[in-house]
Amino acid sequence: MVPDEKVGQNLSHIRSRMAAAAQRAGRPLDAITLIAVTKNQSAEKISAALNLGQRVFGENRVQEAADHWTNIRANFPDIELHLIGPLQSNKAEEAVRIFDVIQTIDRPKILDKLKFACKKLNKTPKFFIQVNTGEEPQKSGVKPDEIKALLEYSKCLDINIEGLMCIPPSLQPAAPHFAFLKKLSESFKLPSISMGMTGDYEAAIELGATHVRVGSGMFGSR
């Protein structure tokens, strides 16, 4: 099967399941954004998704995003590109240049670098804070009790935080973490919640996700 056909089947299936999950939750489907995660995916599969009308994509690494999208965006100016992987401080300027949304803010130093880059480039992406809901020592993201301080620091820099993002522990049920992130977003009055991936995006939608991140479910194995 050629990439266009396979990606098309997968995308149709995902959209159908998203619609069903939204209906179960009593939510409008247009309140949920599907982010197609293109980490390590081929140009042929990315082109197939573009040809099928997908316009929101996620990348884990700044350099890979530059390799994938620098030329493509000239032909598809309406693409919205999200950084969903950890951001190194020395990549902040390039991230601001490439991405429309940066979902992985997790420390004051990154905010400092992003503020400087935004001013230099006269461009301001949307920003999410990544929350380490399981408080895993090996994983990026702030602990839940650190969100308030980071939000206050972002206000000092006049940086607007759009929402929260999480990646639940792989060996735990995801739903409690989704419910927790939803509660946190409500407590801080943040409108956007990025949670849910290929194996659990339906549960995430039912629990309030505004953005879901699907990679292998759309493109197959890398």
Protein backbone atom coordinates (compact mmCIF):
# COMPACT_ATOMS: atom_id res chain seq x y z
CA MET A 1 0.00 0.00 0.00
CA VAL A 2 1.37 3.42 -0.95
CA PRO A 3 1.88 6.00 1.86
CA ASP A 4 -1.06 8.18 0.74
CA GLU A 5 -3.50 5.27 1.05
CA LYS A 6 -2.22 3.97 4.37
CA VAL A 7 -1.91 7.38 6.02
CA GLY A 8 -5.33 8.27 4.64
CA GLN A 9 -6.92 5.18 6.19
CA ASN A 10 -5.21 5.86 9.52
CA LEU A 11 -6.14 9.53 9.54
CA SER A 12 -9.78 8.74 8.77
CA HIS A 13 -9.83 6.18 11.59
CA ILE A 14 -8.27 8.61 14.07
CA ARG A 15 -10.69 11.40 13.20
CA SER A 16 -13.63 9.02 13.57
CA ARG A 17 -12.44 7.88 17.01
CA MET A 18 -11.81 11.48 18.04
CA ALA A 19 -15.35 12.41 17.04
CA ALA A 20 -16.79 9.50 19.03
CA ALA A 21 -14.74 10.41 22.11
CA ALA A 22 -15.79 14.04 21.86
CA GLN A 23 -19.43 13.02 21.55
CA ARG A 24 -19.17 10.80 24.63
CA ALA A 25 -17.73 13.74 26.56
CA GLY A 26 -20.32 16.19 25.23
CA ARG A 27 -17.59 18.30 23.65
CA PRO A 28 -17.40 19.88 20.18
CA LEU A 29 -14.88 18.14 17.95
CA ASP A 30 -13.50 21.47 16.74
CA ALA A 31 -12.32 22.16 20.31
CA ILE A 32 -9.68 19.42 19.89
CA THR A 33 -6.57 19.75 17.74
CA LEU A 34 -4.92 16.68 16.25
CA ILE A 35 -1.13 17.02 16.21
CA ALA A 36 0.53 14.61 13.77
CA VAL A 37 3.87 13.63 15.31
CA THR A 38 6.49 13.29 12.58
CA LYS A 39 9.54 12.23 14.61
CA ASN A 40 11.73 10.02 12.40
CA GLN A 41 9.04 9.79 9.74
CA SER A 42 9.81 9.80 6.03
CA ALA A 43 9.22 12.71 3.69
CA GLU A 44 6.78 10.51 1.77
CA LYS A 45 4.55 9.94 4.81
CA ILE A 46 4.66 13.60 5.79
CA SER A 47 3.73 14.56 2.22
CA ALA A 48 0.83 12.10 2.35
CA ALA A 49 -0.55 13.75 5.50
CA LEU A 50 -0.20 17.19 3.94
CA ASN A 51 -2.00 16.06 0.80
CA LEU A 52 -4.86 14.83 3.01
CA GLY A 53 -5.27 18.23 4.62
CA GLN A 54 -3.42 17.69 7.91
CA ARG A 55 -1.79 20.99 8.90
CA VAL A 56 -0.78 20.64 12.55
CA PHE A 57 2.42 18.71 13.23
CA GLY A 58 4.67 17.95 16.18
CA GLU A 59 8.41 17.42 16.33
CA ASN A 60 10.57 16.26 19.22
CA ARG A 61 13.84 17.87 18.16
CA VAL A 62 14.63 21.32 16.85
CA GLN A 63 17.16 20.15 14.26
CA GLU A 64 14.90 17.43 12.88
CA ALA A 65 12.13 19.99 12.56
CA ALA A 66 14.45 22.25 10.58
CA ASP A 67 15.34 19.35 8.29
CA HIS A 68 11.70 18.33 7.76
CA TRP A 69 9.96 21.66 7.44
CA THR A 70 12.21 24.46 6.20
CA ASN A 71 11.46 23.79 2.53
CA ILE A 72 7.94 22.38 2.99
CA ARG A 73 6.64 25.52 4.68
CA ALA A 74 7.34 27.54 1.56
CA ASN A 75 4.60 25.54 -0.18
CA PHE A 76 2.32 25.09 2.85
CA PRO A 77 2.39 28.40 4.75
CA ASP A 78 -0.63 27.43 6.88
CA ILE A 79 1.24 24.68 8.74
CA GLU A 80 1.24 24.93 12.54
CA LEU A 81 4.34 23.33 14.05
CA HIS A 82 4.60 22.26 17.71
CA LEU A 83 7.75 21.42 19.65
CA ILE A 84 6.81 18.50 21.90
CA GLY A 85 10.29 17.35 22.98
CA PRO A 86 12.71 18.81 25.53
CA LEU A 87 14.24 22.15 24.60
CA GLN A 88 17.92 22.84 25.25
CA SER A 89 18.69 26.43 26.13
CA ASN A 90 21.18 26.77 23.26
CA LYS A 91 18.40 25.85 20.79
CA ALA A 92 15.91 28.46 22.05
CA GLU A 93 16.44 30.96 19.25
CA GLU A 94 16.16 28.34 16.53
CA ALA A 95 13.03 26.95 18.23
CA VAL A 96 11.38 30.37 18.19
CA ARG A 97 12.28 30.76 14.53
CA ILE A 98 10.84 27.37 13.51
CA PHE A 99 7.91 26.61 15.82
CA ASP A 100 4.49 28.15 16.25
CA VAL A 101 3.93 26.44 19.60
CA ILE A 102 6.52 25.31 22.17
CA GLN A 103 4.95 22.84 24.59
CA THR A 104 7.90 21.95 26.81
CA ILE A 105 8.70 24.95 29.03
CA ASP A 106 10.10 23.53 32.26
CA ARG A 107 12.49 26.03 33.92
CA PRO A 108 13.16 29.75 34.30
CA LYS A 109 16.36 29.59 32.23
CA ILE A 110 14.39 28.47 29.18
CA LEU A 111 11.97 31.35 29.66
CA ASP A 112 14.90 33.78 29.79
CA LYS A 113 16.32 32.40 26.54
CA LEU A 114 12.94 32.39 24.83
CA LYS A 115 12.19 35.95 25.86
CA PHE A 116 15.49 37.11 24.38
CA ALA A 117 14.87 35.13 21.17
CA CYS A 118 11.32 36.47 20.79
CA LYS A 119 12.55 40.03 21.06
CA LYS A 120 15.44 39.44 18.67
CA LEU A 121 13.31 37.73 16.02
CA ASN A 122 10.16 39.80 16.62
CA LYS A 123 8.18 36.58 16.83
CA THR A 124 6.27 35.05 19.73
CA PRO A 125 5.12 31.42 19.58
CA LYS A 126 2.50 30.10 21.96
CA PHE A 127 3.92 28.45 25.07
CA PHE A 128 2.87 25.50 27.24
CA ILE A 129 4.43 24.30 30.49
CA GLN A 130 5.33 20.61 30.55
CA VAL A 131 4.20 19.03 33.82
CA ASN A 132 5.86 15.88 35.16
CA THR A 133 2.63 14.53 36.64
CA GLY A 134 4.32 11.33 37.82
CA GLU A 135 7.31 13.23 39.26
CA GLU A 136 9.66 10.84 37.45
CA PRO A 137 13.30 11.83 38.01
CA GLN A 138 14.36 10.87 34.48
CA LYS A 139 11.64 12.87 32.74
CA SER A 140 11.48 16.54 31.74
CA GLY A 141 8.81 18.81 33.13
CA VAL A 142 8.07 20.70 36.30
CA LYS A 143 6.59 19.06 39.35
CA PRO A 144 2.98 20.06 39.94
CA ASP A 145 3.87 22.20 42.95
CA GLU A 146 6.36 24.16 40.80
CA ILE A 147 3.82 25.35 38.22
CA LYS A 148 2.75 28.43 40.16
CA ALA A 149 6.30 29.79 40.53
CA LEU A 150 7.05 29.25 36.83
CA LEU A 151 3.83 30.98 35.82
CA GLU A 152 4.65 33.92 38.06
CA TYR A 153 8.13 34.15 36.53
CA SER A 154 6.65 34.05 33.03
CA LYS A 155 4.42 37.01 33.95
CA CYS A 156 7.48 38.95 35.13
CA LEU A 157 8.93 38.44 31.65
CA ASP A 158 5.62 39.33 29.99
CA ILE A 159 5.42 35.84 28.49
CA ASN A 160 1.94 34.39 28.15
CA ILE A 161 1.55 30.70 28.97
CA GLU A 162 -1.24 29.16 26.90
CA GLY A 163 -1.57 25.79 28.60
CA LEU A 164 -0.14 22.64 30.18
CA MET A 165 1.26 19.46 28.64
CA CYS A 166 2.05 16.05 30.11
CA ILE A 167 3.39 12.61 29.24
CA PRO A 168 2.12 10.14 31.87
CA PRO A 169 4.41 7.40 33.23
CA SER A 170 4.50 4.54 30.75
CA LEU A 171 3.77 1.86 33.38
CA GLN A 172 0.80 3.60 34.97
CA PRO A 173 -2.77 4.11 33.74
CA ALA A 174 -2.88 7.39 31.85
CA ALA A 175 -6.39 8.50 32.80
CA PRO A 176 -5.61 9.64 36.38
CA HIS A 177 -2.77 11.78 35.04
CA PHE A 178 -5.06 13.30 32.42
CA ALA A 179 -7.68 14.10 35.03
CA PHE A 180 -4.99 15.63 37.23
CA LEU A 181 -3.66 17.82 34.41
CA LYS A 182 -7.19 18.97 33.63
CA LYS A 183 -7.66 19.94 37.30
CA LEU A 184 -4.35 21.82 37.29
CA SER A 185 -5.25 23.72 34.11
CA GLU A 186 -8.55 24.78 35.64
CA SER A 187 -6.91 25.91 38.86
CA PHE A 188 -4.53 28.17 36.93
CA LYS A 189 -7.19 29.21 34.40
CA LEU A 190 -5.16 28.00 31.40
CA PRO A 191 -7.23 27.27 28.29
CA SER A 192 -5.12 24.60 26.56
CA ILE A 193 -4.30 21.05 27.63
CA SER A 194 -1.97 18.86 25.55
CA MET A 195 -2.27 15.20 26.55
CA GLY A 196 -2.90 11.86 24.94
CA MET A 197 -0.94 9.93 22.33
CA THR A 198 -1.60 7.00 19.99
CA GLY A 199 -2.63 4.56 22.70
CA ASP A 200 -4.75 6.84 24.85
CA TYR A 201 -5.92 9.93 22.96
CA GLU A 202 -9.59 8.94 23.27
CA ALA A 203 -9.35 8.90 27.08
CA ALA A 204 -7.51 12.22 26.94
CA ILE A 205 -10.31 13.78 24.89
CA GLU A 206 -12.94 12.49 27.30
CA LEU A 207 -10.96 14.04 30.16
CA GLY A 208 -10.56 17.47 28.57
CA ALA A 209 -7.61 17.48 26.15
CA THR A 210 -7.56 20.36 23.69
CA HIS A 211 -4.56 18.89 21.84
CA VAL A 212 -3.71 15.23 21.23
CA ARG A 213 -0.40 14.02 19.80
CA VAL A 214 -0.56 11.01 17.48
CA GLY A 215 2.45 9.57 15.66
CA SER A 216 2.56 5.82 15.03
CA GLY A 217 -1.23 5.63 14.94
CA MET A 218 -1.15 7.85 11.85
CA PHE A 219 2.14 6.99 10.17
CA GLY A 220 2.89 3.46 11.36
CA SER A 221 6.19 2.37 12.86
CA ARG A 222 9.22 4.57 12.32
